[in-house]
Amino acid sequence: MITLEETKKYLRVDYAEEDALIESLINAAEIYLKNATGQTFDSTNDLARLFCLTLVTDWYENRELTVGRVGEEMRPVIDSMLAQLTYCYPEVVE
């Protein structure tokens, strides 16, 4: 749904040393979204893309903490986005 290149631009990362980490965070964010909503979104859903970028950013910037856990400061934003993605986009893209 989101690419490594656009994610690195969003994170403001100009080097390739952490590409593998960022790619794994992208994959985990997309799985998190699928598990949390029960839906599969594609790159045409801007809110789903922003959700993944936001989650990747939180995990990347707080990677010394537990990856996969949303930071307390981001929890309200993530919860709000998940609610919107769950209830405002009933169509499932498979």
Protein backbone atom coordinates (compact mmCIF):
# COMPACT_ATOMS: atom_id res chain seq x y z
CA MET A 1 0.00 0.00 0.00
CA ILE A 2 2.87 2.36 0.77
CA THR A 3 6.30 2.16 -0.80
CA LEU A 4 9.73 2.22 0.77
CA GLU A 5 10.59 5.40 -1.14
CA GLU A 6 7.56 7.38 -0.02
CA THR A 7 7.96 6.15 3.54
CA LYS A 8 11.60 7.22 3.64
CA LYS A 9 10.58 10.62 2.30
CA TYR A 10 7.88 10.87 5.00
CA LEU A 11 10.43 9.85 7.65
CA ARG A 12 13.06 12.17 6.13
CA VAL A 13 15.56 9.32 5.83
CA ASP A 14 18.11 9.83 3.05
CA TYR A 15 20.28 6.75 3.52
CA ALA A 16 19.81 3.06 2.74
CA GLU A 17 21.23 1.47 5.89
CA GLU A 18 17.80 1.02 7.48
CA ASP A 19 15.81 0.03 4.39
CA ALA A 20 15.24 -3.51 5.66
CA LEU A 21 13.95 -2.18 8.99
CA ILE A 22 11.65 0.31 7.30
CA GLU A 23 10.31 -2.34 4.92
CA SER A 24 9.54 -4.64 7.85
CA LEU A 25 7.74 -1.78 9.63
CA ILE A 26 5.69 -1.10 6.49
CA ASN A 27 4.68 -4.76 6.29
CA ALA A 28 3.83 -4.83 10.00
CA ALA A 29 1.72 -1.65 9.69
CA GLU A 30 -0.26 -3.09 6.79
CA ILE A 31 -0.86 -6.32 8.73
CA TYR A 32 -1.84 -4.29 11.82
CA LEU A 33 -4.41 -2.38 9.73
CA LYS A 34 -5.83 -5.60 8.26
CA ASN A 35 -6.04 -7.28 11.69
CA ALA A 36 -7.58 -4.23 13.37
CA THR A 37 -10.25 -3.57 10.74
CA GLY A 38 -10.78 -6.97 9.14
CA GLN A 39 -10.41 -5.23 5.78
CA THR A 40 -7.78 -5.05 3.07
CA PHE A 41 -7.11 -1.58 1.72
CA ASP A 42 -5.11 -0.63 -1.34
CA SER A 43 -3.07 2.44 -2.24
CA THR A 44 -6.15 4.35 -3.40
CA ASN A 45 -7.37 4.89 0.17
CA ASP A 46 -5.58 8.00 1.42
CA LEU A 47 -6.62 7.50 5.05
CA ALA A 48 -5.30 3.93 5.08
CA ARG A 49 -2.03 5.11 3.56
CA LEU A 50 -1.74 7.90 6.14
CA PHE A 51 -2.53 5.41 8.90
CA CYS A 52 0.33 3.16 7.78
CA LEU A 53 2.73 6.09 7.44
CA THR A 54 1.77 7.33 10.91
CA LEU A 55 2.21 3.91 12.47
CA VAL A 56 5.55 3.32 10.75
CA THR A 57 6.75 6.73 11.91
CA ASP A 58 5.77 6.02 15.52
CA TRP A 59 7.49 2.63 15.48
CA TYR A 60 10.58 3.95 13.66
CA GLU A 61 11.07 6.91 15.97
CA ASN A 62 10.49 4.79 19.09
CA ARG A 63 12.23 1.61 17.96
CA GLU A 64 14.19 1.27 21.18
CA LEU A 65 10.81 0.53 22.77
CA THR A 66 8.72 -2.46 21.81
CA VAL A 67 7.98 -2.51 18.08
CA GLY A 68 4.37 -3.32 17.38
CA ARG A 69 3.15 -1.29 20.31
CA VAL A 70 1.68 2.14 19.61
CA GLY A 71 3.17 4.96 21.66
CA GLU A 72 0.91 6.60 24.24
CA GLU A 73 1.08 9.96 22.46
CA MET A 74 -0.06 8.40 19.18
CA ARG A 75 -2.75 6.10 20.63
CA PRO A 76 -5.67 8.61 20.23
CA VAL A 77 -4.70 9.35 16.62
CA ILE A 78 -4.33 5.67 15.75
CA ASP A 79 -7.62 4.77 17.46
CA SER A 80 -9.47 7.55 15.61
CA MET A 81 -8.06 6.52 12.24
CA LEU A 82 -8.88 2.85 12.87
CA ALA A 83 -12.47 3.71 13.79
CA GLN A 84 -12.87 5.72 10.59
CA LEU A 85 -11.29 3.00 8.45
CA THR A 86 -13.45 0.33 10.07
CA TYR A 87 -16.80 2.09 9.90
CA CYS A 88 -16.54 4.59 7.05
CA TYR A 89 -15.07 2.26 4.43
CA PRO A 90 -17.28 -0.83 4.48
CA GLU A 91 -16.06 -2.05 1.08
CA VAL A 92 -13.38 -4.67 1.28
CA VAL A 93 -10.66 -4.73 -1.39
CA GLU A 94 -9.35 -8.25 -1.88
